[in-house]
Protein backbone atom coordinates (compact mmCIF):
# COMPACT_ATOMS: atom_id res chain seq x y z
CA TYR A 1 59.96 -3.82 -71.61
CA LEU A 2 57.07 -6.60 -71.71
CA HIS A 3 57.37 -9.26 -69.23
CA ASP A 4 54.61 -11.70 -68.26
CA ASN A 5 52.16 -9.61 -70.22
CA LEU A 6 53.06 -6.36 -67.90
CA LEU A 7 54.69 -3.44 -69.44
CA GLY A 8 57.59 -2.21 -67.14
CA GLY A 9 60.43 0.22 -67.11
CA GLU A 10 60.30 3.93 -68.44
CA ILE A 11 57.98 5.69 -70.90
CA THR A 12 59.42 9.05 -72.50
CA ASP A 13 56.64 11.49 -73.40
CA CYS A 14 56.71 15.18 -73.68
CA GLY A 15 60.22 15.24 -73.16
CA VAL A 16 59.65 13.79 -69.67
CA THR A 17 60.69 10.37 -68.82
CA VAL A 18 58.30 8.61 -66.43
CA ASN A 19 58.98 5.36 -64.47
CA VAL A 20 55.79 3.47 -65.13
CA THR A 21 55.27 1.83 -61.83
CA ALA A 22 56.64 4.42 -59.51
CA ASP A 23 54.67 7.67 -60.89
CA CYS A 24 51.40 5.90 -61.97
CA GLY A 25 50.90 3.86 -58.77
CA LEU A 26 49.43 1.16 -60.79
CA PRO A 27 51.41 -1.98 -59.89
CA GLY A 28 50.51 -5.10 -61.96
CA GLN A 29 48.41 -2.64 -64.37
CA GLU A 30 51.23 -0.79 -65.99
CA VAL A 31 49.86 -1.12 -69.66
CA VAL A 32 48.18 2.25 -69.40
CA CYS A 33 49.80 5.00 -67.79
CA SER A 34 47.62 8.03 -67.30
CA CYS A 35 50.71 10.08 -66.16
CA CYS A 36 51.82 10.19 -69.91
CA VAL A 37 48.67 11.22 -71.68
CA GLY A 38 47.52 14.67 -72.65
CA CYS A 39 50.96 16.68 -72.71
CA GLY A 40 50.14 20.35 -73.97
CA PRO A 41 52.67 22.64 -75.70
CA SER A 42 54.39 23.29 -72.45
CA GLY A 43 55.72 19.90 -72.30
CA LEU A 44 53.87 19.20 -68.85
CA SER A 45 51.77 16.10 -68.39
CA GLN A 46 48.22 16.19 -66.95
CA ARG A 47 49.72 14.85 -63.94
CA GLU A 48 52.42 17.58 -63.40
CA ILE A 49 49.72 20.28 -64.02
CA LEU A 50 47.71 18.73 -61.34
CA GLN A 51 50.54 18.78 -59.02
CA GLU A 52 51.00 22.47 -59.67
CA VAL A 53 47.33 23.06 -58.95
CA HIS A 54 47.41 20.90 -55.89
CA ASP A 55 50.51 22.72 -54.87
CA SER A 56 48.75 26.15 -55.14
CA MET A 57 45.90 25.13 -52.99
CA VAL A 58 44.84 23.32 -49.71
CA ILE A 59 43.32 19.99 -51.07
CA THR A 60 42.62 17.25 -48.34
CA GLY A 61 41.36 14.62 -50.66
CA ASN A 62 43.04 11.64 -51.94
CA TRP A 63 45.23 13.77 -54.61
CA PHE A 64 48.64 12.09 -54.90
CA GLN A 65 48.07 9.60 -52.22
CA PRO A 66 50.04 6.26 -52.67
CA GLY A 67 48.11 3.93 -55.04
CA VAL A 68 45.57 6.52 -56.45
CA ALA A 69 45.68 7.03 -60.09
CA MET A 70 45.29 10.53 -61.40
CA CYS A 71 41.83 9.71 -62.73
CA ASP A 72 40.78 8.56 -59.51
CA PHE A 73 41.64 11.65 -57.67
CA ASP A 74 38.46 13.17 -55.96
CA GLY A 75 36.82 15.40 -58.24
CA VAL A 76 38.99 14.66 -61.12
CA TYR A 77 37.10 13.05 -64.12
CA CYS A 78 38.69 11.44 -67.23
CA ASP A 79 37.41 10.36 -70.58
CA SER A 80 38.15 6.80 -72.23
CA ARG A 81 41.54 8.23 -73.55
CA LEU A 82 42.40 9.36 -69.89
CA LEU A 83 42.22 13.06 -70.70
CA ILE A 84 40.96 15.11 -67.77
CA TYR A 85 37.67 16.58 -68.82
CA SER A 86 36.21 17.92 -65.45
CA ILE A 87 37.69 19.18 -62.42
CA HIS A 88 35.48 19.68 -59.33
CA PRO A 89 37.17 18.80 -56.07
CA ASN A 90 34.95 19.06 -52.94
CA ASP A 91 37.96 19.36 -50.41
CA VAL A 92 39.64 22.49 -51.37
CA SER A 93 40.13 24.94 -48.13
CA GLY A 94 41.86 27.94 -49.78
CA GLY A 95 44.77 28.81 -51.98
CA THR A 96 45.01 30.26 -55.22
CA LEU A 97 44.15 28.81 -58.89
CA ALA A 98 47.33 27.89 -60.63
CA SER A 99 48.05 29.35 -64.03
CA GLU A 100 48.94 25.78 -65.20
CA ILE A 101 45.23 24.97 -65.07
CA GLY A 102 45.08 26.79 -68.60
CA LEU A 103 47.00 23.68 -69.91
CA LEU A 104 44.41 21.38 -69.56
CA VAL A 105 43.08 22.18 -72.92
CA ASN A 106 40.72 19.37 -72.83
CA LEU A 107 38.74 20.65 -69.77
CA ASN A 108 34.95 20.91 -70.36
CA ILE A 109 33.99 21.77 -66.52
CA LEU A 110 36.10 23.70 -64.01
CA ASP A 111 34.24 24.04 -60.89
CA PHE A 112 35.93 25.79 -57.90
CA GLY A 113 32.91 27.24 -56.22
CA HIS A 114 32.71 27.35 -52.64
CA GLU A 115 36.39 26.62 -52.21
CA ASP A 116 37.61 30.11 -50.55
CA LEU A 117 40.18 30.67 -53.35
CA THR A 118 42.00 33.91 -53.09
CA GLY A 119 44.25 35.85 -55.72
CA SER A 120 43.41 36.53 -59.43
CA ILE A 121 41.85 34.54 -62.15
CA PRO A 122 44.69 33.32 -64.09
CA SER A 123 44.46 34.72 -67.79
CA GLU A 124 45.60 31.30 -68.87
CA LEU A 125 42.04 30.14 -68.53
CA GLY A 126 41.62 31.57 -71.70
CA TYR A 127 43.48 28.61 -73.53
CA LEU A 128 40.35 26.40 -72.22
CA THR A 129 38.55 26.55 -75.37
CA SER A 130 36.56 23.45 -74.70
CA LEU A 131 35.36 25.04 -71.48
CA ASP A 132 31.50 24.97 -71.23
CA ASP A 133 31.06 25.55 -67.41
CA LEU A 134 33.19 27.55 -65.31
CA GLU A 135 32.58 28.25 -61.73
CA LEU A 136 34.77 30.40 -59.56
CA TRP A 137 32.53 31.96 -56.66
CA ASP A 138 32.51 32.20 -52.94
């Protein structure tokens, strides 16, 4: 609904219902909701994919902190359409690379160099056909 030039309520996108204020953390600026943009064939939103990535690693930055929008997460860069095009966090201290990262099909840069990751490189990285720069080294 629209009230006093502010959008409120729920938005259904990718088969997921998102409460604009609660999930986006943008009180008073609900007109653009970055959580609802860029859903892939899996039906997961970019925010849900980043949650999977976050949960598979030890990221000590501002990811998923109250009031921090997805495109303002440390090392996450979005274009003007709020699609994630680069991930380069500087605050990862271990973990594995979640296979869901391959669902961010607009990624141009994926840089987890010097991040002490373990495990296999997910085959789903093959879905990243726009990827120009991949850094996975120790």
